């Protein structure tokens, strides 16, 4: 089993920044290499891909709506994944989820991710 716990959400004004963290507990998969992703879901909207990163951190992938503003990173020694969010806009308001994919390909397809966190709320005021 793998457990993911997000933190760092909150209320911020437009133009501000937040850094989300995802703590990964993966004892069962301690020898596995997994892709990590961030997704978000706003009220009344479908889940949206935000970003993903491969095991080594050498490859990152961003959704068009966050490209140039958000940065994903990971620290495998600490079992942590981060999402630095800058220049936040009201339309970034959503619950943000981190997810783990045991496959090697870095994908924006939510169904490819086997494990999910509970989510953290991000609210951007105008």
Foldseek 3Di string as FASTA:
>chain_A
DKAKAKDWADEEAAQAKIKMKIAMDCVVQLVAWKKKFKWWDDPPDDIFGAKIAGRVRPDIDGDPVQPPFWDWDDDVVRRMIMIIGGRDDQVVWTWMKMFIARDGDTDRDPVRTDDIYPTDTHGYHD
